């Protein structure tokens, strides 16, 4: 469903637009702003949609870090697994900033057992690898802002649900009764939670490192 169709559907839900009518430019623009706000919220709340949730990184001997995916949501979670010699994915420990500072020798070498996803866009490996290998970074993918005449970057079933989310957001400017607002809120919350439960992909187990 195109973003303009989603916006117009929201206007129909709040009674501003009748079937077959053309939306006023200002009304549609308001709905599109609310749409992008909802998409941003889905990113920052950690919505990880199953179509794109991981990327592989190869590392060489002595590589102190690998680059984190550029499409990740900065506020979202990052975890990782390492591919062992038998082809098994081994969960990596996860350092936060405070515990990473406590690591006495960040140049120690061995088989990477943990990562530190740093604010500089790097995932530091510990220990530093003494052999080449590969790991998989699981991350919260940023949901980009919508684009003209295109569907949002979400599974298709979100189109109808987003209409209710937008309608709720514009219900005050369009002076809907409180009962109507509450009904929109109930429907939006139900659809949203159902779709998140279906579309959010699981991540592998991680081990919090506490030095």
N, C-alpha and C. Protein backbone atom coordinates (compact mmCIF):
# COMPACT_ATOMS: atom_id res chain seq x y z
N UNK A 1 0.85 -1.19 0.00
CA UNK A 1 0.00 0.00 0.00
C UNK A 1 0.88 1.25 0.00
N UNK A 2 0.68 2.14 -0.97
CA UNK A 2 1.49 3.34 -1.07
C UNK A 2 1.25 4.26 0.12
N UNK A 3 2.25 5.07 0.43
CA UNK A 3 2.11 5.93 1.61
C UNK A 3 0.95 6.90 1.46
N UNK A 4 0.69 7.37 0.24
CA UNK A 4 -0.42 8.29 0.02
C UNK A 4 -1.76 7.58 0.26
N UNK A 5 -1.84 6.31 -0.11
CA UNK A 5 -3.05 5.54 0.14
C UNK A 5 -3.27 5.32 1.63
N UNK A 6 -2.19 5.11 2.36
CA UNK A 6 -2.29 4.97 3.81
C UNK A 6 -2.80 6.26 4.43
N UNK A 7 -2.25 7.39 3.99
CA UNK A 7 -2.68 8.69 4.52
C UNK A 7 -4.15 8.95 4.22
N UNK A 8 -4.57 8.67 3.00
CA UNK A 8 -5.97 8.90 2.64
C UNK A 8 -6.90 7.97 3.42
N UNK A 9 -6.44 6.74 3.66
CA UNK A 9 -7.24 5.82 4.46
C UNK A 9 -7.44 6.34 5.87
N UNK A 10 -6.41 6.97 6.43
CA UNK A 10 -6.53 7.56 7.76
C UNK A 10 -7.54 8.70 7.76
N UNK A 11 -7.52 9.50 6.70
CA UNK A 11 -8.46 10.61 6.61
C UNK A 11 -9.90 10.10 6.50
N UNK A 12 -10.07 8.97 5.84
CA UNK A 12 -11.42 8.38 5.78
C UNK A 12 -11.86 7.90 7.16
N UNK A 13 -10.94 7.34 7.93
CA UNK A 13 -11.28 6.84 9.26
C UNK A 13 -11.73 7.96 10.20
N UNK A 14 -11.15 9.15 10.02
CA UNK A 14 -11.54 10.26 10.90
C UNK A 14 -12.69 11.08 10.30
N UNK A 15 -13.21 10.63 9.15
CA UNK A 15 -14.38 11.28 8.58
C UNK A 15 -14.10 12.55 7.81
N UNK A 16 -12.84 12.81 7.48
CA UNK A 16 -12.50 14.03 6.74
C UNK A 16 -12.62 13.82 5.24
N UNK A 17 -12.43 12.59 4.81
CA UNK A 17 -12.41 12.27 3.39
C UNK A 17 -13.44 11.18 3.11
N UNK A 18 -14.28 11.43 2.14
CA UNK A 18 -15.27 10.43 1.73
C UNK A 18 -14.73 9.62 0.56
N UNK A 19 -15.26 8.44 0.37
CA UNK A 19 -14.82 7.57 -0.73
C UNK A 19 -14.96 8.30 -2.06
N UNK A 20 -13.89 8.26 -2.86
CA UNK A 20 -13.91 8.89 -4.17
C UNK A 20 -13.45 10.33 -4.18
N UNK A 21 -13.33 10.95 -3.00
CA UNK A 21 -12.86 12.33 -2.93
C UNK A 21 -11.34 12.38 -2.97
N UNK A 22 -10.82 13.55 -3.29
CA UNK A 22 -9.38 13.79 -3.29
C UNK A 22 -9.01 14.52 -2.01
N UNK A 23 -7.98 14.05 -1.34
CA UNK A 23 -7.58 14.66 -0.07
C UNK A 23 -7.01 16.05 -0.29
N UNK A 24 -7.33 16.95 0.63
CA UNK A 24 -6.71 18.28 0.62
C UNK A 24 -5.22 18.12 0.89
N UNK A 25 -4.42 18.93 0.23
CA UNK A 25 -2.97 18.81 0.34
C UNK A 25 -2.50 18.95 1.79
N UNK A 26 -3.08 19.91 2.51
CA UNK A 26 -2.65 20.13 3.89
C UNK A 26 -3.01 18.95 4.79
N UNK A 27 -4.18 18.37 4.57
CA UNK A 27 -4.61 17.22 5.38
C UNK A 27 -3.72 16.01 5.11
N UNK A 28 -3.42 15.78 3.83
CA UNK A 28 -2.56 14.64 3.51
C UNK A 28 -1.15 14.85 4.05
N UNK A 29 -0.66 16.08 3.95
CA UNK A 29 0.69 16.37 4.46
C UNK A 29 0.77 16.10 5.96
N UNK A 30 -0.28 16.47 6.69
CA UNK A 30 -0.31 16.21 8.13
C UNK A 30 -0.23 14.70 8.39
N UNK A 31 -1.00 13.93 7.66
CA UNK A 31 -1.00 12.48 7.84
C UNK A 31 0.34 11.86 7.49
N UNK A 32 1.00 12.38 6.47
CA UNK A 32 2.30 11.85 6.09
C UNK A 32 3.35 12.14 7.14
N UNK A 33 3.26 13.32 7.78
CA UNK A 33 4.19 13.62 8.88
C UNK A 33 3.97 12.65 10.03
N UNK A 34 2.72 12.36 10.32
CA UNK A 34 2.42 11.42 11.40
C UNK A 34 2.88 10.01 11.04
N UNK A 35 2.76 9.64 9.77
CA UNK A 35 3.24 8.34 9.32
C UNK A 35 4.73 8.19 9.59
N UNK A 36 5.51 9.20 9.20
CA UNK A 36 6.96 9.11 9.42
C UNK A 36 7.30 9.10 10.91
N UNK A 37 6.51 9.80 11.72
CA UNK A 37 6.74 9.77 13.16
C UNK A 37 6.50 8.36 13.72
N UNK A 38 5.47 7.69 13.22
CA UNK A 38 5.19 6.32 13.67
C UNK A 38 6.30 5.37 13.22
N UNK A 39 6.79 5.53 11.99
CA UNK A 39 7.88 4.69 11.50
C UNK A 39 9.13 4.87 12.35
N UNK A 40 9.41 6.12 12.72
CA UNK A 40 10.57 6.39 13.57
C UNK A 40 10.39 5.74 14.95
N UNK A 41 9.17 5.77 15.45
CA UNK A 41 8.89 5.17 16.75
C UNK A 41 9.08 3.65 16.70
N UNK A 42 8.66 3.04 15.62
CA UNK A 42 8.84 1.60 15.47
C UNK A 42 10.33 1.24 15.48
N UNK A 43 11.17 2.11 14.92
CA UNK A 43 12.61 1.87 14.94
C UNK A 43 13.16 1.96 16.35
N UNK A 44 12.86 3.07 17.03
CA UNK A 44 13.47 3.29 18.34
C UNK A 44 12.94 2.35 19.40
N UNK A 45 11.76 1.78 19.19
CA UNK A 45 11.23 0.80 20.14
C UNK A 45 11.80 -0.59 19.90
N UNK A 46 12.62 -0.73 18.88
CA UNK A 46 13.28 -2.01 18.67
C UNK A 46 12.55 -2.96 17.77
N UNK A 47 11.74 -2.47 16.88
CA UNK A 47 11.06 -3.38 15.96
C UNK A 47 12.07 -3.93 14.96
N UNK A 48 12.26 -5.26 14.96
CA UNK A 48 13.22 -5.89 14.06
C UNK A 48 12.44 -6.75 13.08
N UNK A 49 12.30 -6.28 11.86
CA UNK A 49 11.47 -6.99 10.91
C UNK A 49 12.26 -8.08 10.21
N UNK A 50 11.61 -9.24 10.09
CA UNK A 50 12.30 -10.48 9.76
C UNK A 50 12.97 -10.50 8.39
N UNK A 51 12.64 -9.59 7.52
CA UNK A 51 13.22 -9.63 6.18
C UNK A 51 14.70 -9.25 6.20
N UNK A 52 15.12 -8.39 7.12
CA UNK A 52 16.50 -7.92 7.17
C UNK A 52 16.89 -7.66 8.62
N UNK A 53 17.54 -8.64 9.23
CA UNK A 53 17.90 -8.47 10.63
C UNK A 53 19.33 -8.86 10.94
N UNK A 54 20.09 -9.28 9.94
CA UNK A 54 21.46 -9.69 10.23
C UNK A 54 22.37 -9.45 9.03
N UNK A 55 23.65 -9.29 9.33
CA UNK A 55 24.66 -9.17 8.29
C UNK A 55 25.90 -9.93 8.75
N UNK A 56 26.61 -10.51 7.80
CA UNK A 56 27.83 -11.26 8.10
C UNK A 56 29.05 -10.36 7.96
N UNK A 57 29.99 -10.55 8.86
CA UNK A 57 31.25 -9.81 8.82
C UNK A 57 32.41 -10.81 8.88
N UNK A 58 33.34 -10.70 7.95
CA UNK A 58 34.56 -11.50 7.99
C UNK A 58 35.66 -10.69 8.66
N UNK A 59 36.52 -11.38 9.37
CA UNK A 59 37.64 -10.69 10.00
C UNK A 59 38.93 -11.47 9.75
N UNK A 60 40.04 -10.74 9.76
CA UNK A 60 41.35 -11.33 9.53
C UNK A 60 42.13 -11.36 10.84
N UNK A 61 43.26 -12.03 10.83
CA UNK A 61 44.12 -12.06 12.01
C UNK A 61 44.48 -10.63 12.40
N UNK A 62 44.29 -10.30 13.66
CA UNK A 62 44.68 -8.98 14.16
C UNK A 62 43.64 -7.90 14.01
N UNK A 63 42.48 -8.20 13.38
CA UNK A 63 41.43 -7.19 13.26
C UNK A 63 40.83 -6.91 14.65
N UNK A 64 40.94 -5.68 15.08
CA UNK A 64 40.43 -5.33 16.41
C UNK A 64 38.93 -5.10 16.40
N UNK A 65 38.35 -4.89 15.22
CA UNK A 65 36.91 -4.61 15.16
C UNK A 65 36.37 -4.94 13.77
N UNK A 66 35.05 -5.03 13.68
CA UNK A 66 34.33 -5.08 12.41
C UNK A 66 33.34 -3.92 12.43
N UNK A 67 32.92 -3.50 11.25
CA UNK A 67 31.99 -2.38 11.17
C UNK A 67 30.56 -2.85 11.43
N UNK A 68 29.83 -2.08 12.20
CA UNK A 68 28.42 -2.36 12.42
C UNK A 68 27.62 -1.99 11.18
N UNK A 69 26.47 -2.63 10.95
CA UNK A 69 25.66 -2.30 9.77
C UNK A 69 25.22 -0.83 9.79
N UNK A 70 25.31 -0.20 8.66
CA UNK A 70 24.93 1.22 8.57
C UNK A 70 23.42 1.41 8.63
N UNK A 71 22.65 0.34 8.38
CA UNK A 71 21.19 0.45 8.38
C UNK A 71 20.60 0.20 9.76
N UNK A 72 21.43 0.04 10.77
CA UNK A 72 20.90 -0.27 12.10
C UNK A 72 20.33 0.96 12.77
N UNK A 73 19.41 0.74 13.67
CA UNK A 73 18.86 1.79 14.50
C UNK A 73 19.80 2.01 15.68
N UNK A 74 20.41 3.23 15.81
CA UNK A 74 21.41 3.46 16.87
C UNK A 74 20.90 3.13 18.27
N UNK A 75 19.60 3.34 18.51
CA UNK A 75 19.07 3.06 19.84
C UNK A 75 18.70 1.60 20.03
N UNK A 76 18.81 0.81 18.97
CA UNK A 76 18.40 -0.59 19.04
C UNK A 76 19.49 -1.51 19.55
N UNK A 77 19.14 -2.77 19.71
CA UNK A 77 20.06 -3.75 20.25
C UNK A 77 20.99 -4.29 19.17
N UNK A 78 22.16 -4.77 19.60
CA UNK A 78 23.12 -5.44 18.73
C UNK A 78 23.60 -6.69 19.45
N UNK A 79 23.55 -7.81 18.77
CA UNK A 79 24.10 -9.06 19.30
C UNK A 79 24.91 -9.72 18.21
N UNK A 80 25.59 -10.81 18.54
CA UNK A 80 26.42 -11.45 17.53
C UNK A 80 26.66 -12.92 17.81
N UNK A 81 26.99 -13.65 16.75
CA UNK A 81 27.42 -15.03 16.85
C UNK A 81 28.68 -15.21 16.02
N UNK A 82 29.50 -16.18 16.42
CA UNK A 82 30.72 -16.50 15.67
C UNK A 82 30.59 -17.89 15.08
N UNK A 83 31.04 -18.03 13.84
CA UNK A 83 31.00 -19.32 13.17
C UNK A 83 32.24 -20.12 13.56
N UNK A 84 32.02 -21.29 14.22
CA UNK A 84 33.18 -22.07 14.63
C UNK A 84 33.65 -23.01 13.51
N UNK A 85 34.67 -23.81 13.79
CA UNK A 85 35.26 -24.66 12.76
C UNK A 85 34.31 -25.73 12.27
N UNK A 86 33.27 -26.04 13.05
CA UNK A 86 32.31 -27.06 12.65
C UNK A 86 31.06 -26.48 11.99
N UNK A 87 31.10 -25.16 11.75
CA UNK A 87 29.97 -24.52 11.10
C UNK A 87 28.84 -24.16 12.04
N UNK A 88 29.09 -24.17 13.35
CA UNK A 88 28.07 -23.83 14.33
C UNK A 88 28.15 -22.36 14.71
N UNK A 89 27.00 -21.75 14.94
CA UNK A 89 26.97 -20.36 15.39
C UNK A 89 27.08 -20.33 16.92
N UNK A 90 28.13 -19.70 17.41
CA UNK A 90 28.39 -19.62 18.84
C UNK A 90 28.02 -18.22 19.33
N UNK A 91 27.10 -18.09 20.29
CA UNK A 91 26.74 -16.75 20.78
C UNK A 91 27.95 -16.03 21.37
N UNK A 92 28.06 -14.76 21.07
CA UNK A 92 29.15 -13.95 21.59
C UNK A 92 28.69 -13.19 22.82
N UNK A 93 29.61 -13.01 23.75
CA UNK A 93 29.33 -12.16 24.90
C UNK A 93 29.19 -10.72 24.45
N UNK A 94 28.55 -9.92 25.26
CA UNK A 94 28.27 -8.54 24.88
C UNK A 94 28.75 -7.59 25.99
N UNK A 95 29.69 -6.74 25.64
CA UNK A 95 30.18 -5.72 26.56
C UNK A 95 29.35 -4.45 26.43
N UNK A 96 29.02 -3.82 27.54
CA UNK A 96 28.52 -2.46 27.47
C UNK A 96 29.71 -1.53 27.68
N UNK A 97 29.48 -0.24 27.60
CA UNK A 97 30.60 0.72 27.64
C UNK A 97 31.35 0.66 28.96
N UNK A 98 30.61 0.57 30.05
CA UNK A 98 31.26 0.57 31.37
C UNK A 98 32.18 -0.63 31.53
N UNK A 99 31.72 -1.82 31.18
CA UNK A 99 32.55 -3.02 31.35
C UNK A 99 33.68 -3.08 30.34
N UNK A 100 33.46 -2.50 29.15
CA UNK A 100 34.55 -2.48 28.16
C UNK A 100 35.72 -1.65 28.68
N UNK A 101 35.43 -0.59 29.38
CA UNK A 101 36.51 0.24 29.93
C UNK A 101 37.35 -0.52 30.95
N UNK A 102 36.77 -1.54 31.56
CA UNK A 102 37.46 -2.29 32.60
C UNK A 102 38.35 -3.40 32.05
N UNK A 103 38.25 -3.66 30.75
CA UNK A 103 39.10 -4.70 30.15
C UNK A 103 40.55 -4.22 30.20
N UNK A 104 41.44 -4.92 30.91
CA UNK A 104 42.80 -4.41 31.12
C UNK A 104 43.67 -4.42 29.87
N UNK A 105 43.49 -5.42 29.03
CA UNK A 105 44.34 -5.53 27.84
C UNK A 105 43.47 -5.84 26.63
N UNK A 106 43.09 -4.80 25.93
CA UNK A 106 42.20 -4.98 24.77
C UNK A 106 42.94 -5.51 23.55
N UNK A 107 44.27 -5.68 23.67
CA UNK A 107 45.06 -6.21 22.55
C UNK A 107 45.33 -7.71 22.71
N UNK A 108 44.83 -8.32 23.79
CA UNK A 108 45.02 -9.76 23.98
C UNK A 108 44.45 -10.51 22.78
N UNK A 109 45.11 -11.58 22.38
CA UNK A 109 44.70 -12.31 21.19
C UNK A 109 44.12 -13.68 21.55
N UNK A 110 43.34 -14.22 20.63
CA UNK A 110 42.71 -15.52 20.83
C UNK A 110 41.51 -15.64 19.92
N UNK A 111 40.60 -16.52 20.26
CA UNK A 111 39.36 -16.66 19.50
C UNK A 111 38.33 -15.68 20.05
N UNK A 112 37.79 -14.79 19.22
CA UNK A 112 36.82 -13.80 19.73
C UNK A 112 35.66 -14.47 20.47
N UNK A 113 35.41 -14.00 21.68
CA UNK A 113 34.33 -14.55 22.49
C UNK A 113 33.29 -13.50 22.83
N UNK A 114 33.63 -12.22 22.60
CA UNK A 114 32.73 -11.14 22.96
C UNK A 114 32.90 -9.98 21.98
N UNK A 115 31.89 -9.13 21.93
CA UNK A 115 31.98 -7.91 21.14
C UNK A 115 31.53 -6.72 22.00
N UNK A 116 32.04 -5.56 21.62
CA UNK A 116 31.58 -4.31 22.22
C UNK A 116 31.07 -3.42 21.10
N UNK A 117 29.73 -3.27 20.94
CA UNK A 117 29.19 -2.37 19.91
C UNK A 117 29.37 -0.92 20.37
N UNK A 118 30.30 -0.24 19.78
CA UNK A 118 30.67 1.10 20.23
C UNK A 118 29.88 2.19 19.50
N UNK A 119 29.77 3.37 20.12
CA UNK A 119 29.07 4.48 19.48
C UNK A 119 29.70 4.93 18.17
N UNK A 120 30.98 4.57 17.94
CA UNK A 120 31.65 5.01 16.71
C UNK A 120 31.31 4.13 15.50
N UNK A 121 30.34 3.20 15.65
CA UNK A 121 29.93 2.38 14.53
C UNK A 121 30.77 1.13 14.33
N UNK A 122 31.59 0.79 15.33
CA UNK A 122 32.42 -0.41 15.25
C UNK A 122 32.00 -1.42 16.32
N UNK A 123 32.16 -2.69 16.00
CA UNK A 123 31.98 -3.75 16.99
C UNK A 123 33.37 -4.29 17.30
N UNK A 124 33.90 -3.93 18.48
CA UNK A 124 35.25 -4.34 18.86
C UNK A 124 35.24 -5.80 19.31
N UNK A 125 36.23 -6.55 18.87
CA UNK A 125 36.33 -7.97 19.16
C UNK A 125 37.25 -8.22 20.34
N UNK A 126 36.82 -9.14 21.21
CA UNK A 126 37.68 -9.52 22.33
C UNK A 126 37.57 -11.01 22.58
N UNK A 127 38.74 -11.67 22.63
CA UNK A 127 40.04 -11.10 22.30
C UNK A 127 40.19 -10.82 20.80
N UNK A 128 41.27 -10.11 20.47
CA UNK A 128 41.56 -9.83 19.06
C UNK A 128 41.87 -11.16 18.37
N UNK A 129 41.28 -11.42 17.22
CA UNK A 129 41.42 -12.74 16.60
C UNK A 129 42.86 -13.10 16.22
N UNK A 130 43.21 -14.37 16.52
CA UNK A 130 44.52 -14.89 16.12
C UNK A 130 44.39 -15.79 14.90
N UNK A 131 43.18 -15.83 14.34
CA UNK A 131 42.94 -16.56 13.10
C UNK A 131 41.76 -15.90 12.39
N UNK A 132 41.72 -16.04 11.09
CA UNK A 132 40.61 -15.44 10.32
C UNK A 132 39.31 -16.18 10.64
N UNK A 133 38.21 -15.47 10.50
CA UNK A 133 36.92 -16.08 10.77
C UNK A 133 35.78 -15.19 10.33
N UNK A 134 34.57 -15.54 10.79
CA UNK A 134 33.42 -14.74 10.42
C UNK A 134 32.42 -14.73 11.56
N UNK A 135 31.69 -13.64 11.64
CA UNK A 135 30.63 -13.54 12.63
C UNK A 135 29.40 -12.91 12.00
N UNK A 136 28.29 -13.09 12.67
CA UNK A 136 27.02 -12.53 12.21
C UNK A 136 26.55 -11.50 13.22
N UNK A 137 26.25 -10.31 12.73
CA UNK A 137 25.73 -9.24 13.57
C UNK A 137 24.22 -9.21 13.42
N UNK A 138 23.51 -9.36 14.54
CA UNK A 138 22.05 -9.22 14.57
C UNK A 138 21.74 -7.84 15.13
N UNK A 139 20.85 -7.14 14.45
CA UNK A 139 20.67 -5.74 14.83
C UNK A 139 19.25 -5.28 14.58
N UNK A 140 18.91 -4.18 15.20
CA UNK A 140 17.63 -3.52 14.97
C UNK A 140 17.75 -2.67 13.72
N UNK A 141 17.01 -3.05 12.71
CA UNK A 141 17.08 -2.30 11.45
C UNK A 141 16.27 -1.02 11.53
N UNK A 142 16.89 0.04 11.11
CA UNK A 142 16.20 1.32 11.07
C UNK A 142 15.08 1.29 10.03
N UNK A 143 13.89 1.71 10.44
CA UNK A 143 12.78 1.82 9.50
C UNK A 143 12.86 3.22 8.87
N UNK A 144 13.17 3.32 7.58
CA UNK A 144 13.36 4.64 6.99
C UNK A 144 12.06 5.41 6.83
N UNK A 145 12.19 6.72 6.70
CA UNK A 145 11.03 7.55 6.43
C UNK A 145 10.39 7.12 5.10
N UNK A 146 9.10 7.35 4.99
CA UNK A 146 8.40 6.96 3.77
C UNK A 146 8.81 7.84 2.59
N UNK A 147 8.64 7.30 1.39
CA UNK A 147 8.99 8.02 0.17
C UNK A 147 7.74 8.18 -0.70
N UNK A 148 7.68 9.26 -1.43
CA UNK A 148 6.52 9.55 -2.28
C UNK A 148 6.26 8.40 -3.24
N UNK A 149 4.98 8.03 -3.35
CA UNK A 149 4.50 7.01 -4.29
C UNK A 149 5.14 5.64 -4.07
N UNK A 150 5.57 5.39 -2.82
CA UNK A 150 6.13 4.08 -2.50
C UNK A 150 5.53 3.59 -1.19
N UNK A 151 5.55 2.28 -1.00
CA UNK A 151 5.07 1.70 0.26
C UNK A 151 6.16 1.84 1.31
N UNK A 152 5.78 2.02 2.57
CA UNK A 152 6.79 2.04 3.64
C UNK A 152 7.57 0.73 3.69
N UNK A 153 8.78 0.79 4.26
CA UNK A 153 9.64 -0.39 4.31
C UNK A 153 9.26 -1.30 5.48
N UNK A 154 8.04 -1.81 5.40
CA UNK A 154 7.51 -2.74 6.38
C UNK A 154 6.77 -3.84 5.63
N UNK A 155 6.55 -5.00 6.27
CA UNK A 155 5.72 -6.01 5.61
C UNK A 155 4.36 -5.43 5.21
N UNK A 156 3.80 -5.94 4.12
CA UNK A 156 2.60 -5.36 3.51
C UNK A 156 1.41 -5.23 4.47
N UNK A 157 1.29 -6.17 5.40
CA UNK A 157 0.13 -6.16 6.28
C UNK A 157 0.06 -4.92 7.17
N UNK A 158 1.15 -4.17 7.26
CA UNK A 158 1.15 -2.97 8.10
C UNK A 158 0.36 -1.82 7.49
N UNK A 159 0.04 -1.88 6.20
CA UNK A 159 -0.63 -0.76 5.55
C UNK A 159 -1.91 -0.36 6.24
N UNK A 160 -2.80 -1.31 6.48
CA UNK A 160 -4.07 -1.01 7.13
C UNK A 160 -3.87 -0.58 8.58
N UNK A 161 -2.98 -1.27 9.29
CA UNK A 161 -2.74 -0.91 10.69
C UNK A 161 -2.24 0.52 10.82
N UNK A 162 -1.37 0.93 9.92
CA UNK A 162 -0.83 2.30 9.97
C UNK A 162 -1.92 3.34 9.76
N UNK A 163 -2.94 3.00 9.00
CA UNK A 163 -4.05 3.94 8.84
C UNK A 163 -4.67 4.27 10.20
N UNK A 164 -4.83 3.26 11.03
CA UNK A 164 -5.41 3.50 12.35
C UNK A 164 -4.44 4.27 13.25
N UNK A 165 -3.15 3.98 13.12
CA UNK A 165 -2.18 4.73 13.91
C UNK A 165 -2.17 6.20 13.55
N UNK A 166 -2.22 6.49 12.26
CA UNK A 166 -2.24 7.89 11.81
C UNK A 166 -3.55 8.55 12.23
N UNK A 167 -4.66 7.83 12.05
CA UNK A 167 -5.97 8.39 12.42
C UNK A 167 -5.99 8.77 13.89
N UNK A 168 -5.39 7.94 14.73
CA UNK A 168 -5.32 8.26 16.15
C UNK A 168 -4.51 9.53 16.37
N UNK A 169 -3.39 9.66 15.67
CA UNK A 169 -2.52 10.82 15.85
C UNK A 169 -3.19 12.12 15.40
N UNK A 170 -4.07 12.06 14.41
CA UNK A 170 -4.70 13.29 13.91
C UNK A 170 -6.11 13.47 14.47
N UNK A 171 -6.52 12.59 15.36
CA UNK A 171 -7.89 12.66 15.89
C UNK A 171 -8.15 13.93 16.68
N UNK A 172 -7.14 14.46 17.35
CA UNK A 172 -7.32 15.71 18.11
C UNK A 172 -7.43 16.91 17.16
N UNK A 173 -6.48 17.08 16.22
CA UNK A 173 -6.63 18.21 15.28
C UNK A 173 -7.96 18.21 14.53
N UNK A 174 -8.49 17.02 14.25
CA UNK A 174 -9.76 16.94 13.53
C UNK A 174 -10.96 16.82 14.46
N UNK A 175 -10.72 17.06 15.74
CA UNK A 175 -11.79 17.20 16.74
C UNK A 175 -12.71 15.99 16.83
N UNK A 176 -12.14 14.80 16.83
CA UNK A 176 -12.97 13.61 17.03
C UNK A 176 -13.41 13.52 18.49
N UNK A 177 -14.56 12.93 18.71
CA UNK A 177 -15.05 12.73 20.07
C UNK A 177 -14.13 11.78 20.82
N UNK A 178 -14.12 11.90 22.14
CA UNK A 178 -13.24 11.08 22.96
C UNK A 178 -13.50 9.59 22.72
N UNK A 179 -14.76 9.22 22.59
CA UNK A 179 -15.10 7.81 22.36
C UNK A 179 -14.49 7.31 21.06
N UNK A 180 -14.51 8.14 20.03
CA UNK A 180 -13.93 7.75 18.75
C UNK A 180 -12.41 7.62 18.85
N UNK A 181 -11.80 8.54 19.61
CA UNK A 181 -10.36 8.46 19.81
C UNK A 181 -9.98 7.17 20.53
N UNK A 182 -10.74 6.82 21.57
CA UNK A 182 -10.45 5.60 22.32
C UNK A 182 -10.62 4.36 21.46
N UNK A 183 -11.61 4.38 20.58
CA UNK A 183 -11.82 3.24 19.69
C UNK A 183 -10.66 3.10 18.71
N UNK A 184 -10.19 4.21 18.15
CA UNK A 184 -9.02 4.17 17.26
C UNK A 184 -7.80 3.65 18.02
N UNK A 185 -7.64 4.08 19.25
CA UNK A 185 -6.49 3.66 20.04
C UNK A 185 -6.52 2.16 20.30
N UNK A 186 -7.70 1.62 20.62
CA UNK A 186 -7.83 0.18 20.86
C UNK A 186 -7.48 -0.62 19.61
N UNK A 187 -8.00 -0.18 18.47
CA UNK A 187 -7.76 -0.92 17.24
C UNK A 187 -6.28 -0.84 16.84
N UNK A 188 -5.71 0.35 16.93
CA UNK A 188 -4.29 0.53 16.58
C UNK A 188 -3.40 -0.31 17.48
N UNK A 189 -3.63 -0.28 18.77
CA UNK A 189 -2.80 -1.06 19.70
C UNK A 189 -2.91 -2.56 19.41
N UNK A 190 -4.13 -3.03 19.14
CA UNK A 190 -4.32 -4.45 18.88
C UNK A 190 -3.61 -4.88 17.60
N UNK A 191 -3.80 -4.10 16.53
CA UNK A 191 -3.17 -4.44 15.25
C UNK A 191 -1.65 -4.35 15.36
N UNK A 192 -1.19 -3.31 16.03
CA UNK A 192 0.25 -3.10 16.15
C UNK A 192 0.91 -4.25 16.91
N UNK A 193 0.34 -4.62 18.05
CA UNK A 193 0.93 -5.69 18.86
C UNK A 193 0.88 -7.02 18.13
N UNK A 194 -0.21 -7.27 17.41
CA UNK A 194 -0.33 -8.51 16.65
C UNK A 194 0.75 -8.60 15.57
N UNK A 195 0.95 -7.50 14.85
CA UNK A 195 1.93 -7.50 13.77
C UNK A 195 3.35 -7.54 14.31
N UNK A 196 3.62 -6.86 15.41
CA UNK A 196 4.95 -6.93 15.99
C UNK A 196 5.27 -8.35 16.44
N UNK A 197 4.29 -9.01 17.04
CA UNK A 197 4.51 -10.38 17.50
C UNK A 197 4.79 -11.30 16.31
N UNK A 198 4.19 -11.01 15.17
CA UNK A 198 4.39 -11.85 13.99
C UNK A 198 5.66 -11.53 13.25
N UNK A 199 5.99 -10.24 13.14
CA UNK A 199 7.07 -9.81 12.26
C UNK A 199 8.40 -9.57 12.94
N UNK A 200 8.41 -9.48 14.26
CA UNK A 200 9.67 -9.28 14.95
C UNK A 200 10.41 -10.60 14.98
N UNK A 201 11.63 -10.59 14.49
CA UNK A 201 12.41 -11.82 14.40
C UNK A 201 13.17 -12.07 15.70
N UNK A 202 13.32 -13.34 16.09
CA UNK A 202 14.09 -13.64 17.29
C UNK A 202 15.57 -13.42 17.05
N UNK A 203 16.31 -13.11 18.09
CA UNK A 203 17.76 -12.98 18.00
C UNK A 203 18.38 -14.10 18.81
N UNK A 204 19.62 -14.48 18.49
CA UNK A 204 20.26 -15.57 19.21
C UNK A 204 20.55 -15.16 20.65
N UNK A 205 20.74 -16.13 21.54
CA UNK A 205 21.05 -15.78 22.93
C UNK A 205 22.39 -15.08 23.02
N UNK A 206 22.51 -14.19 23.99
CA UNK A 206 23.78 -13.49 24.21
C UNK A 206 24.17 -13.62 25.66
N UNK A 207 25.43 -13.38 25.92
CA UNK A 207 25.97 -13.47 27.27
C UNK A 207 26.46 -12.09 27.67
N UNK A 208 25.85 -11.51 28.68
CA UNK A 208 26.31 -10.20 29.16
C UNK A 208 27.64 -10.39 29.88
N UNK A 209 28.64 -9.62 29.47
CA UNK A 209 29.97 -9.73 30.07
C UNK A 209 30.09 -8.74 31.20
N UNK A 210 30.45 -9.22 32.36
CA UNK A 210 30.56 -8.38 33.55
C UNK A 210 31.91 -8.66 34.18
N UNK A 211 32.86 -7.77 33.90
CA UNK A 211 34.21 -7.99 34.44
C UNK A 211 34.32 -7.49 35.86
